[in-house]
Amino acid sequence: MKKIMIAGCIILAASQVQAQQEQGKASQMDILKQGKILYEHTIQLRIRIDGLTPEMQNAIPRSRTNRLEVLFGNNQSLRRAVVDDIADDAVQGMSSGGANVQFRTMGGGANDIVYTDLGAGIRTQQTEFAAKTYIITDTVTKLPWKLTGDTKVILNYPCQKAVTQVMGKRTNTNIVDGKAVQEQVADTSNIEVWFTGVIPVSAGPDYMAQLPGAILEIDINNGRDVYKAIEVSPKIDVASIKEPKNGKKISREEFNKEREKLMKEMQSQMQIRNGSNGTIMFRAN
């Protein structure tokens, strides 16, 4: 009987130690109200070019991966590119039939920043396009999120799954008769996110100021556009989380019109020329 009682005491003591350790971990996580999250962002590219050989078709990039970081603190967040990843991502070239074509995808620049006042739901974006810098300020559009009840652990943080759906448009880029042609088509985005209430800050690489916790993963349309947190750190300079100021102030609607105009100008310059060197570039961000 004494042996049984001793064994029971040992098991109980071990359970208490484990519980205390788990509580300690949770306590440490609970106080993470400022910090930095590093993400890996992968986009599946949809590019079709008529008239290429099979070898050249295989040279077309199918995806692009880069890293970004989100700083958060004082009920604010700042998303920015990781400096090492700001260079254009050159992809393999291919020669066939007298044509030498190199495919290159372009991501966001070093000055592409999204600052969000999480309390007020105001977002300020600094973005570069066609060698110009713009400042766009608008309010966060809150989506109708639904909690699924699914849970999993990401980087030791317990997460919940939330889903929503957005009706919109996407831009397809095709090469027709040697020219880049873009068209907008109707698109429904099925969005899945995993967020953790253990980091009680409504930050993330997207959909900021919408969920009661930091977003650690986003999956749009079953892998077409994916963000994954790969590191969480409490070490940041909170003073660096500030609203960007450098650039032409413009509304979202004005920016979209100006970008559309510039894209049309760029399309006329994107060609594959037989017997000469050509570079086809696609912006993916």
C-alpha atoms as a PDB file:
ATOM      1  CA  MET A   1       0.000   0.000   0.000  1.00  0.00           C
ATOM      2  CA  LYS A   2       2.844   2.368   0.912  1.00  0.00           C
ATOM      3  CA  LYS A   3       4.508   1.657  -2.431  1.00  0.00           C
ATOM      4  CA  ILE A   4       1.264   2.464  -4.228  1.00  0.00           C
ATOM      5  CA  MET A   5       0.869   5.685  -2.260  1.00  0.00           C
ATOM      6  CA  ILE A   6       4.488   6.688  -2.949  1.00  0.00           C
ATOM      7  CA  ALA A   7       4.052   5.985  -6.670  1.00  0.00           C
ATOM      8  CA  GLY A   8       0.857   8.023  -6.662  1.00  0.00           C
ATOM      9  CA  CYS A   9       2.628  10.927  -4.963  1.00  0.00           C
ATOM     10  CA  ILE A  10       5.442  10.793  -7.533  1.00  0.00           C
ATOM     11  CA  ILE A  11       2.957  10.859 -10.439  1.00  0.00           C
ATOM     12  CA  LEU A  12       1.030  13.723  -8.831  1.00  0.00           C
ATOM     13  CA  ALA A  13       4.236  15.668  -8.213  1.00  0.00           C
ATOM     14  CA  ALA A  14       5.361  15.119 -11.813  1.00  0.00           C
ATOM     15  CA  SER A  15       1.969  16.283 -13.066  1.00  0.00           C
ATOM     16  CA  GLN A  16       2.172  19.402 -10.913  1.00  0.00           C
ATOM     17  CA  VAL A  17       5.658  20.186 -12.216  1.00  0.00           C
ATOM     18  CA  GLN A  18       4.490  19.746 -15.823  1.00  0.00           C
ATOM     19  CA  ALA A  19       1.434  21.923 -15.164  1.00  0.00           C
ATOM     20  CA  GLN A  20       3.627  24.608 -13.622  1.00  0.00           C
ATOM     21  CA  GLN A  21       5.952  24.459 -16.629  1.00  0.00           C
ATOM     22  CA  GLU A  22       3.013  24.816 -19.030  1.00  0.00           C
ATOM     23  CA  GLN A  23       1.620  27.682 -16.978  1.00  0.00           C
ATOM     24  CA  GLY A  24       5.048  29.320 -17.055  1.00  0.00           C
ATOM     25  CA  LYS A  25       5.200  29.004 -20.828  1.00  0.00           C
ATOM     26  CA  ALA A  26       1.683  30.411 -21.205  1.00  0.00           C
ATOM     27  CA  SER A  27       2.528  33.251 -18.832  1.00  0.00           C
ATOM     28  CA  GLN A  28       5.608  34.138 -20.878  1.00  0.00           C
ATOM     29  CA  MET A  29       3.537  34.097 -24.072  1.00  0.00           C
ATOM     30  CA  ASP A  30       0.751  36.187 -22.520  1.00  0.00           C
ATOM     31  CA  ILE A  31       3.085  39.117 -21.921  1.00  0.00           C
ATOM     32  CA  LEU A  32       4.204  39.229 -25.565  1.00  0.00           C
ATOM     33  CA  LYS A  33       2.301  42.390 -26.442  1.00  0.00           C
ATOM     34  CA  GLN A  34       5.159  43.724 -28.524  1.00  0.00           C
ATOM     35  CA  GLY A  35       7.563  41.910 -30.781  1.00  0.00           C
ATOM     36  CA  LYS A  36       8.394  40.864 -34.315  1.00  0.00           C
ATOM     37  CA  ILE A  37       7.105  38.028 -36.512  1.00  0.00           C
ATOM     38  CA  LEU A  38       9.076  36.845 -39.548  1.00  0.00           C
ATOM     39  CA  TYR A  39       7.013  35.329 -42.386  1.00  0.00           C
ATOM     40  CA  GLU A  40       7.683  33.399 -45.555  1.00  0.00           C
ATOM     41  CA  HIS A  41       5.363  34.444 -48.385  1.00  0.00           C
ATOM     42  CA  THR A  42       4.795  32.188 -51.420  1.00  0.00           C
ATOM     43  CA  ILE A  43       2.686  33.152 -54.431  1.00  0.00           C
ATOM     44  CA  GLN A  44       1.727  30.705 -57.179  1.00  0.00           C
ATOM     45  CA  LEU A  45       2.171  32.530 -60.494  1.00  0.00           C
ATOM     46  CA  ARG A  46      -0.271  32.122 -63.351  1.00  0.00           C
ATOM     47  CA  ILE A  47       1.555  32.892 -66.587  1.00  0.00           C
ATOM     48  CA  ARG A  48       0.696  31.636 -70.053  1.00  0.00           C
ATOM     49  CA  ILE A  49       2.772  32.417 -73.149  1.00  0.00           C
ATOM     50  CA  ASP A  50       1.596  31.240 -76.545  1.00  0.00           C
ATOM     51  CA  GLY A  51       4.055  29.958 -79.141  1.00  0.00           C
ATOM     52  CA  LEU A  52       6.864  28.809 -76.840  1.00  0.00           C
ATOM     53  CA  THR A  53       8.636  25.485 -77.107  1.00  0.00           C
ATOM     54  CA  PRO A  54       8.133  22.964 -74.257  1.00  0.00           C
ATOM     55  CA  GLU A  55      11.615  23.835 -72.937  1.00  0.00           C
ATOM     56  CA  MET A  56      10.737  27.525 -72.724  1.00  0.00           C
ATOM     57  CA  GLN A  57       7.347  26.781 -71.194  1.00  0.00           C
ATOM     58  CA  ASN A  58       9.142  24.855 -68.443  1.00  0.00           C
ATOM     59  CA  ALA A  59      11.372  27.882 -67.796  1.00  0.00           C
ATOM     60  CA  ILE A  60       8.393  30.027 -66.839  1.00  0.00           C
ATOM     61  CA  PRO A  61       8.402  30.613 -63.050  1.00  0.00           C
ATOM     62  CA  ARG A  62       5.544  28.859 -61.265  1.00  0.00           C
ATOM     63  CA  SER A  63       5.939  30.502 -57.881  1.00  0.00           C
ATOM     64  CA  ARG A  64       7.770  33.216 -56.001  1.00  0.00           C
ATOM     65  CA  THR A  65       8.861  33.131 -52.346  1.00  0.00           C
ATOM     66  CA  ASN A  66      10.151  35.995 -50.257  1.00  0.00           C
ATOM     67  CA  ARG A  67      10.240  37.018 -46.590  1.00  0.00           C
ATOM     68  CA  LEU A  68       8.679  39.891 -44.724  1.00  0.00           C
ATOM     69  CA  GLU A  69       8.423  40.953 -41.098  1.00  0.00           C
ATOM     70  CA  VAL A  70       5.692  42.453 -38.957  1.00  0.00           C
ATOM     71  CA  LEU A  71       6.585  44.589 -35.953  1.00  0.00           C
ATOM     72  CA  PHE A  72       3.904  45.226 -33.324  1.00  0.00           C
ATOM     73  CA  GLY A  73       3.579  47.201 -30.124  1.00  0.00           C
ATOM     74  CA  ASN A  74       1.591  50.064 -28.551  1.00  0.00           C
ATOM     75  CA  ASN A  75      -1.502  48.875 -30.473  1.00  0.00           C
ATOM     76  CA  GLN A  76       0.257  49.501 -33.791  1.00  0.00           C
ATOM     77  CA  SER A  77       1.825  47.269 -36.429  1.00  0.00           C
ATOM     78  CA  LEU A  78       4.294  47.729 -39.263  1.00  0.00           C
ATOM     79  CA  ARG A  79       4.781  45.331 -42.158  1.00  0.00           C
ATOM     80  CA  ARG A  80       7.942  45.627 -44.240  1.00  0.00           C
ATOM     81  CA  ALA A  81      10.144  43.610 -46.594  1.00  0.00           C
ATOM     82  CA  VAL A  82      13.228  41.797 -45.350  1.00  0.00           C
ATOM     83  CA  VAL A  83      16.170  43.701 -46.834  1.00  0.00           C
ATOM     84  CA  ASP A  84      17.942  40.572 -48.136  1.00  0.00           C
ATOM     85  CA  ASP A  85      14.918  39.738 -50.292  1.00  0.00           C
ATOM     86  CA  ILE A  86      14.240  43.070 -51.998  1.00  0.00           C
ATOM     87  CA  ALA A  87      16.256  42.344 -55.141  1.00  0.00           C
ATOM     88  CA  ASP A  88      14.397  41.083 -58.202  1.00  0.00           C
ATOM     89  CA  ASP A  89      14.169  37.316 -58.192  1.00  0.00           C
ATOM     90  CA  ALA A  90      15.834  36.253 -61.436  1.00  0.00           C
ATOM     91  CA  VAL A  91      14.698  32.938 -62.850  1.00  0.00           C
ATOM     92  CA  GLN A  92      16.384  30.683 -65.388  1.00  0.00           C
ATOM     93  CA  GLY A  93      16.703  31.876 -68.957  1.00  0.00           C
ATOM     94  CA  MET A  94      16.097  29.795 -72.048  1.00  0.00           C
ATOM     95  CA  SER A  95      17.298  29.915 -75.646  1.00  0.00           C
ATOM     96  CA  SER A  96      15.277  28.350 -78.407  1.00  0.00           C
ATOM     97  CA  GLY A  97      14.746  29.076 -82.080  1.00  0.00           C
ATOM     98  CA  GLY A  98      16.984  32.144 -82.065  1.00  0.00           C
ATOM     99  CA  ALA A  99      15.230  33.724 -79.091  1.00  0.00           C
ATOM    100  CA  ASN A 100      16.895  34.255 -75.750  1.00  0.00           C
ATOM    101  CA  VAL A 101      14.346  34.976 -73.051  1.00  0.00           C
ATOM    102  CA  GLN A 102      14.882  35.484 -69.331  1.00  0.00           C
ATOM    103  CA  PHE A 103      11.951  35.414 -66.932  1.00  0.00           C
ATOM    104  CA  ARG A 104      12.168  37.626 -63.883  1.00  0.00           C
ATOM    105  CA  THR A 105       9.573  38.234 -61.175  1.00  0.00           C
ATOM    106  CA  MET A 106       9.464  41.483 -59.242  1.00  0.00           C
ATOM    107  CA  GLY A 107       8.370  41.745 -55.643  1.00  0.00           C
ATOM    108  CA  GLY A 108       7.894  44.695 -53.350  1.00  0.00           C
ATOM    109  CA  GLY A 109      10.726  47.134 -52.808  1.00  0.00           C
ATOM    110  CA  ALA A 110      12.609  48.044 -49.661  1.00  0.00           C
ATOM    111  CA  ASN A 111      10.334  51.038 -49.142  1.00  0.00           C
ATOM    112  CA  ASP A 112       7.072  49.063 -49.350  1.00  0.00           C
ATOM    113  CA  ILE A 113       5.550  49.459 -45.875  1.00  0.00           C
ATOM    114  CA  VAL A 114       2.107  48.982 -44.331  1.00  0.00           C
ATOM    115  CA  TYR A 115       1.506  50.774 -41.033  1.00  0.00           C
ATOM    116  CA  THR A 116      -1.722  50.093 -39.130  1.00  0.00           C
ATOM    117  CA  ASP A 117      -3.216  51.893 -36.156  1.00  0.00           C
ATOM    118  CA  LEU A 118      -4.872  48.768 -34.757  1.00  0.00           C
ATOM    119  CA  GLY A 119      -7.087  50.671 -32.324  1.00  0.00           C
ATOM    120  CA  ALA A 120      -8.463  53.149 -34.855  1.00  0.00           C
ATOM    121  CA  GLY A 121      -8.482  50.674 -37.761  1.00  0.00           C
ATOM    122  CA  ILE A 122      -6.563  53.101 -39.997  1.00  0.00           C
ATOM    123  CA  ARG A 123      -4.000  51.771 -42.470  1.00  0.00           C
ATOM    124  CA  THR A 124      -1.239  53.769 -44.195  1.00  0.00           C
ATOM    125  CA  GLN A 125       0.587  52.095 -47.062  1.00  0.00           C
ATOM    126  CA  GLN A 126       3.824  53.284 -48.621  1.00  0.00           C
ATOM    127  CA  THR A 127       4.402  51.547 -51.940  1.00  0.00           C
ATOM    128  CA  GLU A 128       6.697  51.841 -54.933  1.00  0.00           C
ATOM    129  CA  PHE A 129       5.463  51.416 -58.479  1.00  0.00           C
ATOM    130  CA  ALA A 130       7.201  52.377 -61.730  1.00  0.00           C
ATOM    131  CA  ALA A 131       9.960  54.289 -59.882  1.00  0.00           C
ATOM    132  CA  LYS A 132       7.420  56.374 -57.953  1.00  0.00           C
ATOM    133  CA  THR A 133       6.558  56.231 -54.255  1.00  0.00           C
ATOM    134  CA  TYR A 134       2.980  56.642 -53.051  1.00  0.00           C
ATOM    135  CA  ILE A 135       1.338  57.069 -49.636  1.00  0.00           C
ATOM    136  CA  ILE A 136      -2.173  55.609 -49.411  1.00  0.00           C
ATOM    137  CA  THR A 137      -4.294  55.995 -46.282  1.00  0.00           C
ATOM    138  CA  ASP A 138      -7.615  54.220 -45.813  1.00  0.00           C
ATOM    139  CA  THR A 139      -9.684  52.430 -43.193  1.00  0.00           C
ATOM    140  CA  VAL A 140      -9.468  48.707 -42.576  1.00  0.00           C
ATOM    141  CA  THR A 141     -12.349  46.862 -44.235  1.00  0.00           C
ATOM    142  CA  LYS A 142     -13.418  44.224 -41.718  1.00  0.00           C
ATOM    143  CA  LEU A 143     -14.431  40.897 -43.226  1.00  0.00           C
ATOM    144  CA  PRO A 144     -17.132  38.523 -41.929  1.00  0.00           C
ATOM    145  CA  TRP A 145     -14.879  35.970 -40.221  1.00  0.00           C
ATOM    146  CA  LYS A 146     -16.165  32.622 -38.990  1.00  0.00           C
ATOM    147  CA  LEU A 147     -14.396  30.527 -36.350  1.00  0.00           C
ATOM    148  CA  THR A 148     -14.264  26.858 -37.385  1.00  0.00           C
ATOM    149  CA  GLY A 149     -13.320  25.373 -34.014  1.00  0.00           C
ATOM    150  CA  ASP A 150     -10.155  23.865 -35.526  1.00  0.00           C
ATOM    151  CA  THR A 151      -6.931  24.317 -33.567  1.00  0.00           C
ATOM    152  CA  LYS A 152      -3.232  23.628 -34.059  1.00  0.00           C
ATOM    153  CA  VAL A 153       0.122  24.744 -32.691  1.00  0.00           C
ATOM    154  CA  ILE A 154       2.426  27.007 -34.721  1.00  0.00           C
ATOM    155  CA  LEU A 155       5.875  27.834 -33.338  1.00  0.00           C
ATOM    156  CA  ASN A 156       4.650  26.655 -29.918  1.00  0.00           C
ATOM    157  CA  TYR A 157       1.669  29.038 -30.026  1.00  0.00           C
ATOM    158  CA  PRO A 158      -1.830  27.515 -29.844  1.00  0.00           C
ATOM    159  CA  CYS A 159      -3.859  28.825 -32.774  1.00  0.00           C
ATOM    160  CA  GLN A 160      -7.473  28.945 -33.896  1.00  0.00           C
ATOM    161  CA  LYS A 161      -8.699  28.788 -37.468  1.00  0.00           C
ATOM    162  CA  ALA A 162     -10.937  31.455 -38.979  1.00  0.00           C
ATOM    163  CA  VAL A 163     -12.316  31.570 -42.527  1.00  0.00           C
ATOM    164  CA  THR A 164     -13.972  34.090 -44.790  1.00  0.00           C
ATOM    165  CA  GLN A 165     -14.712  34.688 -48.455  1.00  0.00           C
ATOM    166  CA  VAL A 166     -14.106  37.762 -50.599  1.00  0.00           C
ATOM    167  CA  MET A 167     -15.605  38.471 -54.007  1.00  0.00           C
ATOM    168  CA  GLY A 168     -13.283  40.499 -56.206  1.00  0.00           C
ATOM    169  CA  LYS A 169     -11.122  40.495 -59.320  1.00  0.00           C
ATOM    170  CA  ARG A 170      -7.668  39.252 -60.207  1.00  0.00           C
ATOM    171  CA  THR A 171      -5.274  40.195 -63.000  1.00  0.00           C
ATOM    172  CA  ASN A 172      -4.135  37.528 -65.458  1.00  0.00           C
ATOM    173  CA  THR A 173      -0.987  38.131 -67.532  1.00  0.00           C
ATOM    174  CA  ASN A 174      -0.714  36.420 -70.914  1.00  0.00           C
ATOM    175  CA  ILE A 175       1.765  36.833 -73.773  1.00  0.00           C
ATOM    176  CA  VAL A 176      -0.090  37.134 -77.085  1.00  0.00           C
ATOM    177  CA  ASP A 177       1.766  37.788 -80.363  1.00  0.00           C
ATOM    178  CA  GLY A 178       4.899  38.650 -78.400  1.00  0.00           C
ATOM    179  CA  LYS A 179       3.226  41.225 -76.156  1.00  0.00           C
ATOM    180  CA  ALA A 180       2.227  41.078 -72.503  1.00  0.00           C
ATOM    181  CA  VAL A 181      -1.520  41.419 -72.162  1.00  0.00           C
ATOM    182  CA  GLN A 182      -3.260  41.741 -68.820  1.00  0.00           C
ATOM    183  CA  GLU A 183      -6.934  41.161 -68.182  1.00  0.00           C
ATOM    184  CA  GLN A 184      -9.065  41.342 -65.081  1.00  0.00           C
ATOM    185  CA  VAL A 185     -11.343  38.405 -64.358  1.00  0.00           C
ATOM    186  CA  ALA A 186     -13.852  37.731 -61.606  1.00  0.00           C
ATOM    187  CA  ASP A 187     -12.285  35.967 -58.656  1.00  0.00           C
ATOM    188  CA  THR A 188     -13.516  34.545 -55.368  1.00  0.00           C
ATOM    189  CA  SER A 189     -10.946  34.352 -52.592  1.00  0.00           C
ATOM    190  CA  ASN A 190     -11.470  31.649 -49.978  1.00  0.00           C
ATOM    191  CA  ILE A 191      -9.330  32.758 -47.057  1.00  0.00           C
ATOM    192  CA  GLU A 192      -8.129  30.644 -44.134  1.00  0.00           C
ATOM    193  CA  VAL A 193      -6.110  32.135 -41.289  1.00  0.00           C
ATOM    194  CA  TRP A 194      -4.600  30.750 -38.106  1.00  0.00           C
ATOM    195  CA  PHE A 195      -4.309  33.264 -35.281  1.00  0.00           C
ATOM    196  CA  THR A 196      -3.226  33.039 -31.667  1.00  0.00           C
ATOM    197  CA  GLY A 197      -4.861  34.817 -28.767  1.00  0.00           C
ATOM    198  CA  VAL A 198      -1.724  34.160 -26.750  1.00  0.00           C
ATOM    199  CA  ILE A 199      -0.258  37.146 -28.617  1.00  0.00           C
ATOM    200  CA  PRO A 200      -3.180  39.501 -27.889  1.00  0.00           C
ATOM    201  CA  VAL A 201      -2.393  41.944 -30.694  1.00  0.00           C
ATOM    202  CA  SER A 202      -4.436  42.086 -33.898  1.00  0.00           C
ATOM    203  CA  ALA A 203      -1.360  42.091 -36.149  1.00  0.00           C
ATOM    204  CA  GLY A 204      -0.358  40.001 -39.163  1.00  0.00           C
ATOM    205  CA  PRO A 205       0.987  40.148 -42.715  1.00  0.00           C
ATOM    206  CA  ASP A 206      -2.550  40.970 -43.900  1.00  0.00           C
ATOM    207  CA  TYR A 207      -6.044  41.365 -42.419  1.00  0.00           C
ATOM    208  CA  MET A 208      -4.700  43.482 -39.587  1.00  0.00           C
ATOM    209  CA  ALA A 209      -7.086  44.868 -36.940  1.00  0.00           C
ATOM    210  CA  GLN A 210      -9.661  42.154 -37.641  1.00  0.00           C
ATOM    211  CA  LEU A 211      -9.052  39.180 -35.348  1.00  0.00           C
ATOM    212  CA  PRO A 212      -8.422  38.929 -31.569  1.00  0.00           C
ATOM    213  CA  GLY A 213      -4.810  37.824 -31.874  1.00  0.00           C
ATOM    214  CA  ALA A 214      -1.733  37.743 -34.086  1.00  0.00           C
ATOM    215  CA  ILE A 215      -2.084  35.929 -37.419  1.00  0.00           C
ATOM    216  CA  LEU A 216       0.634  33.306 -37.921  1.00  0.00           C
ATOM    217  CA  GLU A 217      -0.604  31.689 -41.149  1.00  0.00           C
ATOM    218  CA  ILE A 218      -2.742  32.709 -44.124  1.00  0.00           C
ATOM    219  CA  ASP A 219      -3.832  30.462 -47.001  1.00  0.00           C
ATOM    220  CA  ILE A 220      -5.763  31.992 -49.913  1.00  0.00           C
ATOM    221  CA  ASN A 221      -7.465  29.659 -52.380  1.00  0.00           C
ATOM    222  CA  ASN A 222      -5.797  26.444 -51.242  1.00  0.00           C
ATOM    223  CA  GLY A 223      -2.167  27.443 -51.625  1.00  0.00           C
ATOM    224  CA  ARG A 224      -2.342  30.124 -54.298  1.00  0.00           C
ATOM    225  CA  ASP A 225      -1.115  32.768 -51.849  1.00  0.00           C
ATOM    226  CA  VAL A 226       0.393  31.621 -48.530  1.00  0.00           C
ATOM    227  CA  TYR A 227       1.987  33.360 -45.538  1.00  0.00           C
ATOM    228  CA  LYS A 228       3.706  31.279 -42.854  1.00  0.00           C
ATOM    229  CA  ALA A 229       5.313  32.581 -39.674  1.00  0.00           C
ATOM    230  CA  ILE A 230       8.800  31.118 -39.283  1.00  0.00           C
ATOM    231  CA  GLU A 231      10.014  33.060 -36.250  1.00  0.00           C
ATOM    232  CA  VAL A 232       8.566  35.087 -33.372  1.00  0.00           C
ATOM    233  CA  SER A 233      10.774  37.394 -31.313  1.00  0.00           C
ATOM    234  CA  PRO A 234      10.048  39.832 -28.468  1.00  0.00           C
ATOM    235  CA  LYS A 235      13.071  41.948 -29.404  1.00  0.00           C
ATOM    236  CA  ILE A 236      12.146  45.096 -31.329  1.00  0.00           C
ATOM    237  CA  ASP A 237      12.620  48.844 -31.290  1.00  0.00           C
ATOM    238  CA  VAL A 238       9.061  50.052 -30.706  1.00  0.00           C
ATOM    239  CA  ALA A 239      10.054  53.534 -31.903  1.00  0.00           C
ATOM    240  CA  SER A 240      10.545  52.087 -35.412  1.00  0.00           C
ATOM    241  CA  ILE A 241       6.799  51.382 -35.652  1.00  0.00           C
ATOM    242  CA  LYS A 242       5.721  54.661 -37.167  1.00  0.00           C
ATOM    243  CA  GLU A 243       3.577  55.951 -39.995  1.00  0.00           C
ATOM    244  CA  PRO A 244       5.453  56.384 -43.316  1.00  0.00           C
ATOM    245  CA  LYS A 245       5.551  59.918 -44.702  1.00  0.00           C
ATOM    246  CA  ASN A 246       7.720  59.876 -47.833  1.00  0.00           C
ATOM    247  CA  GLY A 247       5.755  59.717 -51.067  1.00  0.00           C
ATOM    248  CA  LYS A 248       2.905  61.174 -53.065  1.00  0.00           C
ATOM    249  CA  LYS A 249      -0.277  61.177 -50.980  1.00  0.00           C
ATOM    250  CA  ILE A 250      -3.082  59.614 -52.962  1.00  0.00           C
ATOM    251  CA  SER A 251      -6.376  57.828 -52.382  1.00  0.00           C
ATOM    252  CA  ARG A 252      -6.753  54.101 -53.007  1.00  0.00           C
ATOM    253  CA  GLU A 253      -9.041  54.775 -55.981  1.00  0.00           C
ATOM    254  CA  GLU A 254      -6.614  57.306 -57.491  1.00  0.00           C
ATOM    255  CA  PHE A 255      -3.695  54.921 -57.020  1.00  0.00           C
ATOM    256  CA  ASN A 256      -5.540  52.059 -58.741  1.00  0.00           C
ATOM    257  CA  LYS A 257      -6.307  54.296 -61.739  1.00  0.00           C
ATOM    258  CA  GLU A 258      -2.717  55.540 -61.977  1.00  0.00           C
ATOM    259  CA  ARG A 259      -1.342  51.991 -61.664  1.00  0.00           C
ATOM    260  CA  GLU A 260      -3.693  50.750 -64.391  1.00  0.00           C
ATOM    261  CA  LYS A 261      -2.495  53.530 -66.695  1.00  0.00           C
ATOM    262  CA  LEU A 262       1.167  52.736 -66.015  1.00  0.00           C
ATOM    263  CA  MET A 263       0.578  49.012 -66.528  1.00  0.00           C
ATOM    264  CA  LYS A 264      -0.877  49.660 -69.966  1.00  0.00           C
ATOM    265  CA  GLU A 265       2.223  51.654 -70.866  1.00  0.00           C
ATOM    266  CA  MET A 266       4.457  48.847 -69.594  1.00  0.00           C
ATOM    267  CA  GLN A 267       2.509  46.207 -71.562  1.00  0.00           C
ATOM    268  CA  SER A 268       3.415  47.881 -74.854  1.00  0.00           C
ATOM    269  CA  GLN A 269       7.096  47.534 -73.957  1.00  0.00           C
ATOM    270  CA  MET A 270       6.974  43.850 -72.899  1.00  0.00           C
ATOM    271  CA  GLN A 271       7.784  41.776 -75.971  1.00  0.00           C
ATOM    272  CA  ILE A 272       9.531  38.592 -76.984  1.00  0.00           C
ATOM    273  CA  ARG A 273      11.620  39.386 -80.044  1.00  0.00           C
ATOM    274  CA  ASN A 274      13.004  36.564 -82.215  1.00  0.00           C
ATOM    275  CA  GLY A 275      16.730  36.865 -82.776  1.00  0.00           C
ATOM    276  CA  SER A 276      17.304  39.253 -79.849  1.00  0.00           C
ATOM    277  CA  ASN A 277      17.591  39.189 -76.084  1.00  0.00           C
ATOM    278  CA  GLY A 278      14.400  39.765 -74.148  1.00  0.00           C
ATOM    279  CA  THR A 279      13.417  39.940 -70.523  1.00  0.00           C
ATOM    280  CA  ILE A 280       9.831  39.411 -69.447  1.00  0.00           C
ATOM    281  CA  MET A 281       9.095  40.739 -65.969  1.00  0.00           C
ATOM    282  CA  PHE A 282       6.068  40.058 -63.816  1.00  0.00           C
ATOM    283  CA  ARG A 283       5.245  41.872 -60.596  1.00  0.00           C
ATOM    284  CA  ALA A 284       4.197  39.520 -57.810  1.00  0.00           C
ATOM    285  CA  ASN A 285       3.236  41.126 -54.487  1.00  0.00           C
END
